[in-house]
Every structure is written in C-alpha cells, then in structure tokens.
C-alpha cells in the first residue's frame, strides 16, 4: 500500500555535480522492543559543502517493521529551516513495494526564497543528524534484525540519496543500518542454596511476550555432585506449575511430553544431560491450547540430589547447553510460538551454593538440632559399624578435647543419665563457634 505524507510529488530540480570523499550518508542502527511505535531510525551525514535541500531513499524489510513517517525534530535540518519548518517536505511510503520489502523516500527543501538561502553548514569530519525515519514494530515480532538500507533509484518516479548545494547535486557514499528487534524471550534457573546430601527442585522459569505452543530444554550438570530424579510419570515434571495453566483448558495440559535423562554423556565425562520436549496441542481435536504470554512462568521442575561430601560455599551450576556445544547434546533451548515459529531465548544458568552455616550445637553429632542418646549412638555407628561420619566434627566433639571418639559417646551418656557435666561452649542448645583452638572443624551444620 502506498502512503504519501503529505501528498506531494518528490521533486528536487538539481543539476549533477561532483562527489567528494567526505560526503557520506548513513543509517544509525538501533533496537526496539516488539510493539514499540514511532521508533526513530536516524539518517546522518557528513558534507563538504553547505546544502539547501536533500532527498533520502530507503528500502526496509516489512516482516517485523513498518515505516510510518519521518521527522526532523532535533536535527540540523530543523535548525537550518526558517521557524524550524522546511518550506517543502514530502514523504512517500510504500510498504508493499515488493514482497517483504517496503520503501520510503523523503524530499526536503529548507526555503524556496532565493534571498533567504537557508543552509546546513558544511561538516566534513563530524556526522550530523539529518532525518529520523519513524518505524512501528509489530507487537508479535520475534527477535530478528530488520534491514534499513539506503538505496538509489527507489520508487516512481525514482529517487536517489543526495543533497543539493547551490543548485548542484552531490551523491554521497551510502552506509545502511538495521533495526534490531530485542529478544524478550528468556529461560532461566533460579539460584538456590543447598545442603550436602539434600534434595531440591530446580525450576525452569520463562519469560515470553507471545503465547507459547511448546518448548524444548537442553540442560547439563556435574554428575559427580548432582543426580537427577527420573520421574515415572511425565506429569510430575510440570505438576502444579504455570505450564499446566493452558488456554483453552486441556487434560493433560501438555499432550506430548518427552524427557531424556542421560546420567553420563559418553563423550563428556563428568557431565549429565536432561533433554526435554513439550508440545501442548499434539492430539485431535487441535484446539490450539497455549501457555499465555507472561513473565516468571514456571515451566518445569527438575529434582536434584546433591553429594553429601559438599562443604560450605561449594557451588555447582545447572546449565542450558545448546546442540553443538558438547558432542552428545542434540537439542537446543527453544520456544515454539505462533504458526510453528521458533524463538531462541536468552538463557541464564542456575548456580547452587552450599549454605555457609554459622556455628553449631555442641554434642549434636547427627546435626538434627537436638542433643540426646541418638547422638551417642551416631558416633558409635560411625566408628564401629560403618555408619556415616558426623557432618560437623566440632559438634560431635562433645567433650571438647579436639578429638571425636568413644570418649564423646561416654561423655554424652554420663551427662544425660549420670549427672555428669554438660557440653562446653557453645553448648547443646545455643548456636555458636568453637572457642577452643583445635584441629577439629565443622564441615556442615544446617540447624543454626
């Protein structure tokens, strides 16, 4: 469709003249979010000569953007025009010049009175803003790069990019630019604190500005530290999450759901992998269910178990890993949106950190926050029956002699049942640090 703003033929009666090396016209690349209106894409230029008028001709891709006009506000052309308004400014827009391509031409004469002779001063070394081309970005546009090209012989009658100096036409060198449509799609795993030997859910959280018809995940982890639970029922991966809240309502919410858990990738020792594919509407009657657009949408939960040998401040990362990064990874992290199109989201890995616990309770060898005969038995089982070692040796050192052995078992029993003295500071009820210098340390005590 052709739009003329205003409906004036673009005509600058100009005589051909020489071109100088400093004469350049360029599009300044910029970016915008989907749905943004009136995005200014600035055309700048350098010029060896004063000039009194110019014409600009551009071609642009129309799958995500539409040219809606031009502005000189804040430019040297506004400053040069009497009263800030050129005597002639014609804008001709054709958003269907060819399939997927639109054109826009601008013609400006500052003043038609030869006695006034309004001009933009020569600026050979410093580019100055000449015109802002205005674009609307489609609200449903996916992340992409739209080209905004300066091109000659555009439209009918054909228009070139040039400026006019004292009746002569100067054809500058041309540099095109782009309008980048920002990627507002995101996948992330929230950072969390963990405890050694514990089990915790990692939630995959998504932001997507359009309704979601499906998604695909590819996640890697350190299998020397982390074990992934393989749920027998596929719905357990998303039960109670936003991915169940599809519109229109469907049961199951996700009609195709496939998960692969590879505890150890053959070509990447030490790395485990989870690959997951979900299509919401995969079965008749195909009503088009989707997860509504939004932010902070919970998509999947992955149950992780952590090695018991971790100590305070140890970290491990659960990573989004696309195909090609590792030899055995075959999936990408992808959103499926309208009409089966895919969007590659920005991804943020999750970092899981062992809590830096402050202090301990003396004689609580099994770190359950209560000191009783179970703590005495815990030490015996560790030393003589092959039981687990006390996570916090300071806590198991009930008599505070700098050793953990059978004497601590006897100390606890005598205190609790024979009127013996109680555990030394910080004591059995209050949390605190060990005031006694010794070689015994506290690897992990979660109860303080």
Protein backbone atom coordinates (compact mmCIF):
# COMPACT_ATOMS: atom_id res chain seq x y z
CA UNK A 1 0.00 0.00 0.00
CA UNK A 2 1.31 3.44 -0.88
CA UNK A 3 1.19 6.20 1.74
CA UNK A 4 2.06 9.81 0.89
CA UNK A 5 2.65 12.22 3.75
CA UNK A 6 1.79 14.82 2.52
CA UNK A 7 0.52 14.00 -0.97
CA UNK A 8 3.24 15.85 -2.87
CA UNK A 9 5.46 14.67 -5.69
CA UNK A 10 9.06 14.45 -4.62
CA UNK A 11 10.97 16.70 -6.95
CA UNK A 12 14.21 18.50 -6.49
CA UNK A 13 15.33 20.17 -9.70
CA UNK A 14 19.02 19.55 -9.22
CA UNK A 15 21.95 19.59 -11.57
CA UNK A 16 24.54 16.87 -11.41
CA UNK A 17 27.79 17.82 -9.75
CA UNK A 18 30.92 16.23 -8.38
CA UNK A 19 31.05 13.90 -5.37
CA UNK A 20 33.58 14.46 -2.62
CA UNK A 21 35.11 11.78 -0.37
CA UNK A 22 33.76 13.35 2.82
CA UNK A 23 30.19 13.22 1.56
CA UNK A 24 28.55 10.27 3.28
CA UNK A 25 25.02 9.35 4.26
CA UNK A 26 24.50 6.63 6.85
CA UNK A 27 21.74 4.89 8.80
CA UNK A 28 22.40 4.67 12.55
CA UNK A 29 21.47 1.16 13.72
CA UNK A 30 19.22 0.91 16.74
CA UNK A 31 16.99 -1.56 18.58
CA UNK A 32 13.45 -1.68 19.96
CA UNK A 33 11.03 -3.98 21.74
CA UNK A 34 8.11 -5.64 19.92
CA UNK A 35 5.06 -3.36 19.91
CA UNK A 36 7.07 -0.12 20.08
CA UNK A 37 5.60 2.67 17.96
CA UNK A 38 7.41 5.50 16.23
CA UNK A 39 10.95 4.14 16.67
CA UNK A 40 13.36 6.74 15.25
CA UNK A 41 16.00 5.35 12.91
CA UNK A 42 18.33 8.26 12.27
CA UNK A 43 19.90 9.11 8.93
CA UNK A 44 23.13 11.04 9.49
CA UNK A 45 25.58 12.56 7.10
CA UNK A 46 28.83 14.37 6.51
CA UNK A 47 29.04 17.04 3.81
CA UNK A 48 31.87 19.04 2.28
CA UNK A 49 29.52 21.81 1.20
CA UNK A 50 26.69 23.84 2.63
CA UNK A 51 23.41 22.44 1.33
CA UNK A 52 19.85 23.73 0.98
CA UNK A 53 17.93 20.52 0.35
CA UNK A 54 18.25 16.76 0.17
CA UNK A 55 16.47 13.56 -0.73
CA UNK A 56 16.65 10.24 1.10
CA UNK A 57 15.55 6.86 -0.25
CA UNK A 58 15.42 3.68 1.83
CA UNK A 59 14.32 0.08 1.47
CA UNK A 60 13.39 -1.98 4.55
CA UNK A 61 12.18 -5.47 5.42
CA UNK A 62 8.49 -5.48 6.34
CA UNK A 63 8.01 -8.76 8.23
CA UNK A 64 8.54 -7.01 11.59
CA UNK A 65 8.54 -3.24 10.97
CA UNK A 66 6.55 -0.61 9.04
CA UNK A 67 7.73 2.88 8.17
CA UNK A 68 5.12 5.41 9.32
CA UNK A 69 6.77 8.74 8.65
CA UNK A 70 9.78 10.97 9.06
CA UNK A 71 10.78 13.69 11.50
CA UNK A 72 13.43 16.41 11.59
CA UNK A 73 12.96 17.29 15.27
CA UNK A 74 16.34 17.85 16.89
CA UNK A 75 18.26 17.69 13.60
CA UNK A 76 20.44 20.24 11.81
CA UNK A 77 17.71 20.49 9.18
CA UNK A 78 15.24 21.74 11.79
CA UNK A 79 17.86 24.24 12.95
CA UNK A 80 18.51 25.44 9.39
CA UNK A 81 14.87 25.81 8.34
CA UNK A 82 13.19 29.17 8.96
CA UNK A 83 10.99 28.75 12.03
CA UNK A 84 12.19 25.14 12.32
CA UNK A 85 9.92 24.00 9.48
CA UNK A 86 11.15 23.33 5.92
CA UNK A 87 9.14 25.05 3.25
CA UNK A 88 8.86 21.72 1.46
CA UNK A 89 8.98 18.23 2.99
CA UNK A 90 7.48 15.28 1.16
CA UNK A 91 7.40 11.74 2.48
CA UNK A 92 6.33 8.84 0.28
CA UNK A 93 5.93 5.38 1.87
CA UNK A 94 5.12 2.16 0.06
CA UNK A 95 5.02 -0.82 2.44
CA UNK A 96 4.37 -3.31 -0.37
CA UNK A 97 6.89 -2.25 -2.99
CA UNK A 98 7.96 -5.89 -3.34
CA UNK A 99 7.11 -8.95 -1.21
CA UNK A 100 8.58 -8.42 2.29
CA UNK A 101 10.12 -5.09 1.26
CA UNK A 102 8.90 -1.54 1.78
CA UNK A 103 10.30 1.74 0.53
CA UNK A 104 10.28 5.28 1.83
CA UNK A 105 11.51 8.46 0.16
CA UNK A 106 11.93 11.89 1.70
CA UNK A 107 12.47 15.17 -0.12
CA UNK A 108 13.26 18.41 1.76
CA UNK A 109 13.92 21.98 0.65
CA UNK A 110 14.60 24.32 3.55
CA UNK A 111 13.37 27.51 1.92
CA UNK A 112 12.24 28.35 -1.62
CA UNK A 113 13.06 32.05 -1.27
CA UNK A 114 16.43 32.58 -3.00
CA UNK A 115 17.03 35.67 -0.90
CA UNK A 116 16.96 33.71 2.37
CA UNK A 117 19.06 30.79 1.13
CA UNK A 118 18.72 28.71 4.32
CA UNK A 119 21.52 26.13 4.53
CA UNK A 120 23.05 23.37 6.62
CA UNK A 121 26.70 24.29 7.10
CA UNK A 122 29.44 22.04 5.76
CA UNK A 123 30.58 19.33 8.19
CA UNK A 124 33.25 17.16 6.60
CA UNK A 125 34.50 15.39 9.72
CA UNK A 126 31.51 15.17 12.05
CA UNK A 127 28.34 13.28 11.14
CA UNK A 128 25.18 15.23 11.92
CA UNK A 129 21.57 14.06 12.29
CA UNK A 130 19.61 14.89 9.14
CA UNK A 131 16.31 12.96 9.33
CA UNK A 132 14.67 10.47 11.70
CA UNK A 133 12.76 7.76 9.83
CA UNK A 134 9.94 6.52 12.07
CA UNK A 135 9.00 2.84 12.34
CA UNK A 136 6.34 0.85 14.15
CA UNK A 137 7.44 -2.59 15.39
CA UNK A 138 4.89 -5.39 15.16
CA UNK A 139 3.71 -6.43 18.66
CA UNK A 140 4.12 -10.11 17.74
CA UNK A 141 7.54 -9.68 16.12
CA UNK A 142 10.06 -12.35 17.01
CA UNK A 143 13.69 -11.47 17.70
CA UNK A 144 15.20 -10.53 14.36
CA UNK A 145 17.28 -7.96 12.52
CA UNK A 146 15.35 -5.75 10.12
CA UNK A 147 17.46 -4.12 7.42
CA UNK A 148 17.14 -0.40 6.73
CA UNK A 149 19.05 0.18 3.53
CA UNK A 150 19.90 3.40 1.77
CA UNK A 151 19.34 2.69 -1.92
CA UNK A 152 19.23 4.75 -5.08
CA UNK A 153 16.62 4.64 -7.83
CA UNK A 154 13.81 3.91 -5.34
CA UNK A 155 10.12 4.42 -6.09
CA UNK A 156 8.39 6.04 -9.03
CA UNK A 157 9.47 8.49 -10.10
CA UNK A 158 12.84 7.14 -8.93
CA UNK A 159 14.59 8.94 -6.08
CA UNK A 160 18.29 8.89 -5.20
CA UNK A 161 20.10 9.77 -1.98
CA UNK A 162 21.73 13.14 -2.48
CA UNK A 163 21.95 16.68 -1.19
CA UNK A 164 21.74 19.94 -3.12
CA UNK A 165 24.29 22.72 -2.77
CA UNK A 166 23.63 25.90 -4.74
CA UNK A 167 21.74 24.01 -7.41
CA UNK A 168 24.27 21.17 -7.74
CA UNK A 169 23.57 17.59 -6.73
CA UNK A 170 26.09 15.65 -4.59
CA UNK A 171 25.77 11.86 -4.34
CA UNK A 172 27.24 10.72 -1.02
CA UNK A 173 28.65 7.31 -0.19
CA UNK A 174 25.91 5.22 1.43
CA UNK A 175 26.06 3.10 4.61
CA UNK A 176 22.96 1.11 5.56
CA UNK A 177 21.87 0.10 9.06
CA UNK A 178 19.48 -2.12 10.97
CA UNK A 179 16.61 -2.06 13.43
CA UNK A 180 17.19 -4.90 15.87
CA UNK A 181 14.04 -6.39 17.43
CA UNK A 182 15.02 -7.13 21.02
CA UNK A 183 14.89 -10.67 22.31
CA UNK A 184 12.47 -10.57 25.25
CA UNK A 185 12.28 -14.35 25.41
CA UNK A 186 14.17 -15.80 28.36
CA UNK A 187 14.75 -19.13 30.11
CA UNK A 188 16.45 -19.23 33.48
CA UNK A 189 17.03 -21.40 36.51
CA UNK A 190 16.89 -19.55 39.81
CA UNK A 191 19.99 -19.59 42.01
CA UNK A 192 19.44 -21.51 45.25
CA UNK A 193 21.13 -22.51 48.50
CA UNK A 194 21.54 -26.23 49.09
CA UNK A 195 22.64 -28.64 51.82
CA UNK A 196 25.02 -31.57 51.30
CA UNK A 197 23.13 -34.80 50.80
CA UNK A 198 19.90 -32.89 50.28
CA UNK A 199 17.29 -32.99 47.52
CA UNK A 200 15.91 -29.87 45.91
CA UNK A 201 13.81 -28.83 42.91
CA UNK A 202 15.37 -26.65 40.23
CA UNK A 203 12.65 -24.65 38.48
CA UNK A 204 12.97 -23.64 34.83
CA UNK A 205 11.32 -20.21 34.60
CA UNK A 206 10.36 -18.47 31.38
CA UNK A 207 9.51 -15.04 30.02
CA UNK A 208 7.74 -14.97 26.66
CA UNK A 209 5.90 -11.96 25.13
CA UNK A 210 3.67 -14.17 22.95
CA UNK A 211 1.60 -17.26 23.79
CA UNK A 212 3.62 -20.45 23.96
CA UNK A 213 2.67 -23.56 21.99
CA UNK A 214 5.64 -25.65 23.09
CA UNK A 215 9.18 -25.61 24.37
CA UNK A 216 12.39 -27.60 24.33
CA UNK A 217 15.08 -27.75 27.02
CA UNK A 218 18.67 -28.97 26.97
CA UNK A 219 20.36 -28.89 30.37
CA UNK A 220 23.71 -30.20 31.62
CA UNK A 221 25.06 -30.74 35.12
CA UNK A 222 28.09 -32.06 37.02
CA UNK A 223 27.25 -35.71 37.64
CA UNK A 224 29.94 -36.06 40.32
CA UNK A 225 27.90 -33.75 42.52
CA UNK A 226 24.32 -33.91 41.18
CA UNK A 227 21.87 -36.72 40.47
CA UNK A 228 18.62 -36.06 38.55
CA UNK A 229 15.45 -37.90 39.58
CA UNK A 230 13.76 -39.68 36.68
CA UNK A 231 10.04 -39.38 37.35
CA UNK A 232 7.99 -42.41 36.24
CA UNK A 233 5.02 -40.16 35.41
CA UNK A 234 5.69 -37.39 32.87
CA UNK A 235 3.22 -35.03 34.55
CA UNK A 236 5.43 -34.90 37.65
CA UNK A 237 7.87 -32.71 35.71
CA UNK A 238 5.29 -29.90 35.50
CA UNK A 239 2.56 -30.69 38.04
CA UNK A 240 1.27 -27.52 39.74
CA UNK A 241 3.32 -25.19 37.53
CA UNK A 242 2.27 -22.46 35.09
CA UNK A 243 2.80 -24.85 32.17
CA UNK A 244 -0.36 -26.65 33.34
CA UNK A 245 -2.44 -23.46 33.07
CA UNK A 246 -3.11 -23.72 29.35
CA UNK A 247 -5.84 -21.90 27.44
CA UNK A 248 -8.23 -23.39 26.49
CA UNK A 249 -8.16 -25.88 29.36
CA UNK A 250 -6.96 -29.34 28.34
CA UNK A 251 -6.18 -32.59 30.10
CA UNK A 252 -3.39 -33.39 30.02
CA UNK A 253 -2.19 -29.82 29.68
CA UNK A 254 0.81 -30.93 27.61
CA UNK A 255 -0.25 -33.55 25.08
CA UNK A 256 3.26 -34.54 24.00
CA UNK A 257 5.98 -34.61 26.65
CA UNK A 258 9.26 -36.43 26.19
CA UNK A 259 12.18 -36.49 28.62
CA UNK A 260 15.62 -38.00 28.23
CA UNK A 261 17.92 -38.19 31.26
CA UNK A 262 21.47 -39.27 30.47
CA UNK A 263 23.37 -39.55 33.76
CA UNK A 264 26.74 -39.55 31.97
CA UNK A 265 27.35 -38.28 28.44
CA UNK A 266 29.64 -40.77 26.66
CA UNK A 267 31.88 -38.14 25.08
CA UNK A 268 31.87 -35.71 28.01
CA UNK A 269 32.98 -37.43 31.25
CA UNK A 270 31.64 -35.84 34.39
CA UNK A 271 28.58 -34.37 32.66
CA UNK A 272 24.96 -35.45 32.83
CA UNK A 273 22.22 -34.23 30.48
CA UNK A 274 18.47 -33.66 30.55
CA UNK A 275 16.69 -33.20 27.22
CA UNK A 276 13.01 -32.30 27.27
CA UNK A 277 10.44 -31.60 24.52
CA UNK A 278 6.87 -30.39 25.09
CA UNK A 279 4.07 -29.74 22.59
CA UNK A 280 0.86 -28.52 24.13
CA UNK A 281 -1.55 -29.30 21.27
CA UNK A 282 -0.38 -32.54 19.67
CA UNK A 283 -3.64 -34.51 19.53
CA UNK A 284 -7.11 -34.06 17.97
CA UNK A 285 -9.28 -32.03 18.08
CA UNK A 286 -6.38 -29.49 17.87
CA UNK A 287 -7.99 -26.57 19.70
CA UNK A 288 -4.74 -24.63 19.90
CA UNK A 289 -4.07 -24.65 23.62
CA UNK A 290 -1.18 -22.47 24.71
CA UNK A 291 0.51 -21.11 27.80
CA UNK A 292 -0.49 -17.42 27.93
CA UNK A 293 2.26 -14.86 27.40
CA UNK A 294 3.85 -13.58 30.57
CA UNK A 295 6.94 -13.33 32.75
CA UNK A 296 8.18 -15.56 35.57
CA UNK A 297 6.22 -18.53 34.20
CA UNK A 298 7.27 -21.82 35.80
CA UNK A 299 7.65 -24.46 33.09
CA UNK A 300 9.42 -27.50 34.55
CA UNK A 301 10.81 -28.70 37.86
CA UNK A 302 13.88 -30.92 37.94
CA UNK A 303 14.51 -32.78 41.19
CA UNK A 304 18.21 -32.70 42.06
CA UNK A 305 20.05 -34.66 44.74
CA UNK A 306 23.40 -33.30 45.93
CA UNK A 307 26.50 -35.13 47.09
CA UNK A 308 26.85 -35.46 50.86
CA UNK A 309 30.54 -34.55 50.72
CA UNK A 310 29.95 -30.93 49.73
CA UNK A 311 31.11 -28.29 52.21
CA UNK A 312 30.17 -24.68 52.86
CA UNK A 313 30.48 -22.36 49.85
CA UNK A 314 30.87 -25.18 47.31
CA UNK A 315 28.94 -24.36 44.13
CA UNK A 316 27.63 -26.24 41.12
CA UNK A 317 25.94 -24.87 38.01
CA UNK A 318 22.92 -26.27 36.19
CA UNK A 319 23.48 -25.04 32.63
CA UNK A 320 21.43 -24.50 29.48
CA UNK A 321 23.52 -26.15 26.75
CA UNK A 322 22.52 -25.97 23.08
CA UNK A 323 23.40 -28.53 20.44
CA UNK A 324 26.93 -28.26 19.09
CA UNK A 325 28.40 -27.09 22.39
CA UNK A 326 29.07 -30.65 23.51
CA UNK A 327 29.35 -33.67 21.15
CA UNK A 328 26.48 -35.62 22.71
CA UNK A 329 23.99 -32.75 23.12
CA UNK A 330 21.37 -32.94 20.36
CA UNK A 331 18.74 -30.39 21.38
CA UNK A 332 18.52 -26.60 21.59
CA UNK A 333 16.70 -24.49 24.15
CA UNK A 334 13.75 -23.22 22.12
CA UNK A 335 10.27 -21.75 22.47
CA UNK A 336 7.59 -22.66 19.92
CA UNK A 337 5.26 -19.72 19.27
CA UNK A 338 2.60 -18.72 16.74
CA UNK A 339 2.36 -20.61 13.44
CA UNK A 340 5.03 -23.08 14.49
CA UNK A 341 7.76 -20.46 14.55
CA UNK A 342 10.63 -20.87 16.98
CA UNK A 343 12.31 -18.32 19.22
CA UNK A 344 15.73 -18.88 20.76
CA UNK A 345 15.53 -17.37 24.26
CA UNK A 346 18.28 -15.75 26.23
CA UNK A 347 19.29 -18.25 28.92
CA UNK A 348 20.55 -17.77 32.47
CA UNK A 349 22.13 -20.76 34.24
CA UNK A 350 21.34 -21.59 37.85
CA UNK A 351 24.09 -21.59 40.48
CA UNK A 352 23.54 -23.79 43.53
CA UNK A 353 25.63 -22.91 46.59
CA UNK A 354 26.13 -24.85 49.82
CA UNK A 355 24.95 -22.70 52.72
CA UNK A 356 27.66 -21.09 54.81
CA UNK A 357 26.24 -22.09 58.18
CA UNK A 358 27.36 -20.07 61.19
CA UNK A 359 28.08 -22.06 64.34
CA UNK A 360 26.94 -25.39 65.77
CA UNK A 361 25.48 -27.03 68.89
CA UNK A 362 27.98 -29.00 70.97
CA UNK A 363 27.30 -32.79 71.15
CA UNK A 364 24.72 -32.75 68.32
CA UNK A 365 26.67 -35.29 66.29
CA UNK A 366 23.78 -36.18 63.94
CA UNK A 367 23.05 -32.45 63.33
CA UNK A 368 19.31 -32.77 63.96
CA UNK A 369 19.39 -29.73 66.34
CA UNK A 370 18.56 -31.88 69.40
CA UNK A 371 21.17 -33.47 71.71
CA UNK A 372 20.10 -36.88 73.09
CA UNK A 373 21.17 -40.51 73.21
CA UNK A 374 20.84 -40.72 69.40
CA UNK A 375 23.96 -38.57 69.14
CA UNK A 376 25.94 -41.04 71.27
CA UNK A 377 24.73 -43.93 69.10
CA UNK A 378 25.58 -41.97 65.91
CA UNK A 379 29.25 -41.76 66.94
CA UNK A 380 29.40 -45.50 67.77
CA UNK A 381 27.83 -46.41 64.42
CA UNK A 382 30.34 -44.23 62.57
CA UNK A 383 33.37 -45.62 64.38
CA UNK A 384 32.45 -49.28 64.68
CA UNK A 385 29.58 -50.16 62.27
CA UNK A 386 30.49 -48.24 59.12
CA UNK A 387 27.90 -45.51 59.54
CA UNK A 388 28.12 -42.02 58.06
CA UNK A 389 30.69 -39.66 59.52
CA UNK A 390 29.40 -36.72 61.57
CA UNK A 391 28.88 -33.80 59.16
CA UNK A 392 30.21 -31.38 61.82
CA UNK A 393 33.12 -32.82 63.79
CA UNK A 394 33.13 -29.83 66.14
CA UNK A 395 29.60 -30.71 67.13
CA UNK A 396 30.46 -34.39 67.61
CA UNK A 397 33.42 -33.41 69.84
CA UNK A 398 31.12 -33.42 72.88
CA UNK A 399 33.92 -33.19 75.49
CA UNK A 400 35.82 -30.53 73.51
CA UNK A 401 39.16 -32.33 73.67
CA UNK A 402 39.89 -31.83 69.98
CA UNK A 403 39.11 -35.48 69.13
CA UNK A 404 35.99 -37.38 68.11
CA UNK A 405 35.97 -40.90 69.51
CA UNK A 406 34.32 -43.26 72.01
CA UNK A 407 35.00 -40.80 74.84
CA UNK A 408 32.45 -38.41 73.34
CA UNK A 409 29.80 -41.17 73.38
CA UNK A 410 30.51 -41.82 77.09
CA UNK A 411 30.52 -38.06 77.81
CA UNK A 412 27.02 -37.62 76.32
CA UNK A 413 25.61 -40.62 78.23
CA UNK A 414 27.15 -39.52 81.56
CA UNK A 415 25.78 -36.00 81.12
CA UNK A 416 22.29 -37.15 80.23
CA UNK A 417 21.92 -40.10 82.60
CA UNK A 418 24.54 -39.91 85.39
CA UNK A 419 24.66 -36.22 86.30
CA UNK A 420 27.92 -35.54 84.51
CA UNK A 421 28.99 -32.07 83.38
CA UNK A 422 27.37 -30.64 80.26
CA UNK A 423 28.96 -29.96 76.87
CA UNK A 424 31.33 -26.98 76.63
CA UNK A 425 30.59 -23.80 74.72
CA UNK A 426 28.69 -23.09 72.63
CA UNK A 427 26.65 -25.71 74.49
CA UNK A 428 23.92 -28.13 73.41
CA UNK A 429 21.12 -25.58 72.92
CA UNK A 430 22.70 -22.38 71.57
CA UNK A 431 24.44 -21.97 68.23
CA UNK A 432 27.95 -20.60 68.24
CA UNK A 433 31.55 -21.05 67.17
CA UNK A 434 34.15 -23.23 68.85
CA UNK A 435 36.10 -21.10 71.36
CA UNK A 436 38.78 -23.80 71.71
CA UNK A 437 41.63 -23.88 69.16
CA UNK A 438 42.00 -27.43 67.85
CA UNK A 439 42.24 -29.40 64.61
CA UNK A 440 38.55 -30.41 64.61
CA UNK A 441 36.37 -28.43 62.21
CA UNK A 442 32.72 -28.17 61.23
CA UNK A 443 32.11 -29.10 57.61
CA UNK A 444 28.34 -28.71 57.68
CA UNK A 445 25.79 -27.91 60.34
CA UNK A 446 22.36 -26.98 58.89
CA UNK A 447 20.47 -26.34 62.13
CA UNK A 448 21.86 -22.93 63.06
